[in-house]
Each structure stands twice: as C-alpha cells, then as structure tokens.
Amino acid sequence: GLPMVVIVYDDEAYGAEVHHFGPDGFPLDAVTFPPTDLAAVARGHGFEAVTVRGRADLKAVEDWVAGPRSAPLLVDAKVTREHGAWWLEEAFRGH
C-alpha cells in the first residue's frame, strides 16, 4: 500500500476561529462541530485508521509503521480546543 500517514488534529472545531471569536463573546455554533469518527470515515475510503486520545493509542501507529502496510494510515488525533496554540494571540492581534 501507499506508505503515507495523514494526521488530522481534531478539536471538533475550526480551532483558530474559536480562539479568535470566543473571547469577544461571539457565538461559536458556526465554528464548532459534533464529535465525528474521522477514523471510520477514512476506513470507508480505503485507509487504515486509528483514533488517538493518548500515548497508549500510538501503539497502532507504531505497528503500521513496522508493516506490512496495505493502505495509507489516517490518524484521528483528538485534541482539546480549550487552549490555543502559542502563536494564536500574536496572529490575531489587530484583527
């Protein structure tokens, strides 16, 4: 299979917009989404896939890297939207 890993950092939102609009009191319903099993979606498109919520879940990625591989791998990395990236405040300053 194609030796490719696709990693999706899934915060169930357009993460940057949450941190841009939320502090100003704007409603976030247009930039947040219900929980979605992106690994299942990827499997439906021929990927091998794993959902990662913690370090222990990375074993499946290690196993895929060790091979043999029959399809590309999608990693659905569930992350929090509670804390923005360090660069967000500076990026949105003045907007």
C-alpha atoms as a PDB file:
ATOM      1  CA  GLY A   1       0.000   0.000   0.000  1.00  0.00           C
ATOM      2  CA  LEU A   2       0.875   3.638  -0.227  1.00  0.00           C
ATOM      3  CA  PRO A   3       3.336   4.418   2.618  1.00  0.00           C
ATOM      4  CA  MET A   4       1.626   7.617   3.683  1.00  0.00           C
ATOM      5  CA  VAL A   5       0.384   8.828   7.070  1.00  0.00           C
ATOM      6  CA  VAL A   6      -2.282  11.541   7.248  1.00  0.00           C
ATOM      7  CA  ILE A   7      -2.718  13.152  10.671  1.00  0.00           C
ATOM      8  CA  VAL A   8      -5.880  15.118  11.467  1.00  0.00           C
ATOM      9  CA  TYR A   9      -5.728  17.232  14.624  1.00  0.00           C
ATOM     10  CA  ASP A  10      -9.419  17.069  15.534  1.00  0.00           C
ATOM     11  CA  ASP A  11     -10.613  19.683  18.022  1.00  0.00           C
ATOM     12  CA  GLU A  12     -14.214  19.418  16.780  1.00  0.00           C
ATOM     13  CA  ALA A  13     -13.955  22.997  15.559  1.00  0.00           C
ATOM     14  CA  TYR A  14     -12.234  25.450  13.312  1.00  0.00           C
ATOM     15  CA  GLY A  15      -9.823  25.843  16.220  1.00  0.00           C
ATOM     16  CA  ALA A  16      -8.296  29.191  15.341  1.00  0.00           C
ATOM     17  CA  GLU A  17     -11.711  30.777  14.921  1.00  0.00           C
ATOM     18  CA  VAL A  18     -12.824  29.531  18.351  1.00  0.00           C
ATOM     19  CA  HIS A  19      -9.928  31.419  19.928  1.00  0.00           C
ATOM     20  CA  HIS A  20     -10.433  34.451  17.707  1.00  0.00           C
ATOM     21  CA  PHE A  21     -14.181  34.942  18.141  1.00  0.00           C
ATOM     22  CA  GLY A  22     -14.877  33.308  21.510  1.00  0.00           C
ATOM     23  CA  PRO A  23     -13.113  35.876  23.720  1.00  0.00           C
ATOM     24  CA  ASP A  24     -15.154  38.633  22.059  1.00  0.00           C
ATOM     25  CA  GLY A  25     -18.392  36.890  23.001  1.00  0.00           C
ATOM     26  CA  PHE A  26     -19.446  35.814  19.517  1.00  0.00           C
ATOM     27  CA  PRO A  27     -21.485  32.587  19.305  1.00  0.00           C
ATOM     28  CA  LEU A  28     -19.347  29.605  18.329  1.00  0.00           C
ATOM     29  CA  ASP A  29     -22.028  27.389  16.802  1.00  0.00           C
ATOM     30  CA  ALA A  30     -20.826  28.136  13.251  1.00  0.00           C
ATOM     31  CA  VAL A  31     -17.228  27.128  14.030  1.00  0.00           C
ATOM     32  CA  THR A  32     -17.740  24.059  16.245  1.00  0.00           C
ATOM     33  CA  PHE A  33     -18.883  20.589  15.209  1.00  0.00           C
ATOM     34  CA  PRO A  34     -20.355  17.497  16.869  1.00  0.00           C
ATOM     35  CA  PRO A  35     -17.957  14.630  17.622  1.00  0.00           C
ATOM     36  CA  THR A  36     -17.117  12.752  14.422  1.00  0.00           C
ATOM     37  CA  ASP A  37     -15.401   9.395  13.986  1.00  0.00           C
ATOM     38  CA  LEU A  38     -12.939  10.511  11.324  1.00  0.00           C
ATOM     39  CA  ALA A  39     -11.168   7.144  11.504  1.00  0.00           C
ATOM     40  CA  ALA A  40     -14.389   5.427  10.377  1.00  0.00           C
ATOM     41  CA  VAL A  41     -14.769   7.920   7.527  1.00  0.00           C
ATOM     42  CA  ALA A  42     -11.187   7.199   6.444  1.00  0.00           C
ATOM     43  CA  ARG A  43     -11.756   3.441   6.562  1.00  0.00           C
ATOM     44  CA  GLY A  44     -14.719   3.973   4.257  1.00  0.00           C
ATOM     45  CA  HIS A  45     -12.283   5.500   1.765  1.00  0.00           C
ATOM     46  CA  GLY A  46      -9.799   2.625   1.905  1.00  0.00           C
ATOM     47  CA  PHE A  47      -7.456   3.850   4.649  1.00  0.00           C
ATOM     48  CA  GLU A  48      -6.282   2.007   7.673  1.00  0.00           C
ATOM     49  CA  ALA A  49      -7.152   4.317  10.553  1.00  0.00           C
ATOM     50  CA  VAL A  50      -6.712   4.839  14.264  1.00  0.00           C
ATOM     51  CA  THR A  51      -8.157   7.269  16.782  1.00  0.00           C
ATOM     52  CA  VAL A  52      -5.579   8.668  19.202  1.00  0.00           C
ATOM     53  CA  ARG A  53      -6.630  10.174  22.522  1.00  0.00           C
ATOM     54  CA  GLY A  54      -3.438   9.432  24.442  1.00  0.00           C
ATOM     55  CA  ARG A  55       0.036   7.930  24.211  1.00  0.00           C
ATOM     56  CA  ALA A  56      -1.150   4.341  24.552  1.00  0.00           C
ATOM     57  CA  ASP A  57      -3.160   4.740  21.342  1.00  0.00           C
ATOM     58  CA  LEU A  58       0.046   5.446  19.391  1.00  0.00           C
ATOM     59  CA  LYS A  59       0.955   1.733  19.500  1.00  0.00           C
ATOM     60  CA  ALA A  60      -1.332   1.208  16.499  1.00  0.00           C
ATOM     61  CA  VAL A  61       0.673   3.806  14.556  1.00  0.00           C
ATOM     62  CA  GLU A  62       3.923   2.096  15.536  1.00  0.00           C
ATOM     63  CA  ASP A  63       2.516  -1.237  14.332  1.00  0.00           C
ATOM     64  CA  TRP A  64       1.501   0.292  10.999  1.00  0.00           C
ATOM     65  CA  VAL A  65       4.968   1.809  10.509  1.00  0.00           C
ATOM     66  CA  ALA A  66       6.556  -1.595  11.222  1.00  0.00           C
ATOM     67  CA  GLY A  67       4.461  -3.025   8.377  1.00  0.00           C
ATOM     68  CA  PRO A  68       3.401  -4.705   6.318  1.00  0.00           C
ATOM     69  CA  ARG A  69       1.192  -1.928   5.011  1.00  0.00           C
ATOM     70  CA  SER A  70      -1.736  -2.493   2.680  1.00  0.00           C
ATOM     71  CA  ALA A  71      -3.175   1.046   2.706  1.00  0.00           C
ATOM     72  CA  PRO A  72      -2.308   4.565   3.847  1.00  0.00           C
ATOM     73  CA  LEU A  73      -2.948   5.387   7.510  1.00  0.00           C
ATOM     74  CA  LEU A  74      -5.125   8.171   8.882  1.00  0.00           C
ATOM     75  CA  VAL A  75      -4.506   9.215  12.484  1.00  0.00           C
ATOM     76  CA  ASP A  76      -7.561  10.906  14.011  1.00  0.00           C
ATOM     77  CA  ALA A  77      -5.743  12.786  16.782  1.00  0.00           C
ATOM     78  CA  LYS A  78      -8.343  14.081  19.228  1.00  0.00           C
ATOM     79  CA  VAL A  79      -7.075  17.343  20.729  1.00  0.00           C
ATOM     80  CA  THR A  80      -8.603  19.920  23.038  1.00  0.00           C
ATOM     81  CA  ARG A  81      -9.759  23.307  21.854  1.00  0.00           C
ATOM     82  CA  GLU A  82      -9.534  24.688  25.394  1.00  0.00           C
ATOM     83  CA  HIS A  83      -6.025  26.030  24.838  1.00  0.00           C
ATOM     84  CA  GLY A  84      -4.894  27.779  21.690  1.00  0.00           C
ATOM     85  CA  ALA A  85      -1.505  27.429  20.089  1.00  0.00           C
ATOM     86  CA  TRP A  86       1.180  29.791  21.378  1.00  0.00           C
ATOM     87  CA  TRP A  87       1.143  31.792  18.146  1.00  0.00           C
ATOM     88  CA  LEU A  88      -2.621  32.455  18.036  1.00  0.00           C
ATOM     89  CA  GLU A  89      -2.665  35.577  20.195  1.00  0.00           C
ATOM     90  CA  GLU A  90       0.029  37.227  18.130  1.00  0.00           C
ATOM     91  CA  ALA A  91      -1.509  36.116  14.832  1.00  0.00           C
ATOM     92  CA  PHE A  92      -4.894  37.637  15.672  1.00  0.00           C
ATOM     93  CA  ARG A  93      -3.634  40.828  17.293  1.00  0.00           C
ATOM     94  CA  GLY A  94      -5.152  43.790  15.482  1.00  0.00           C
ATOM     95  CA  HIS A  95      -7.862  41.790  13.675  1.00  0.00           C
END
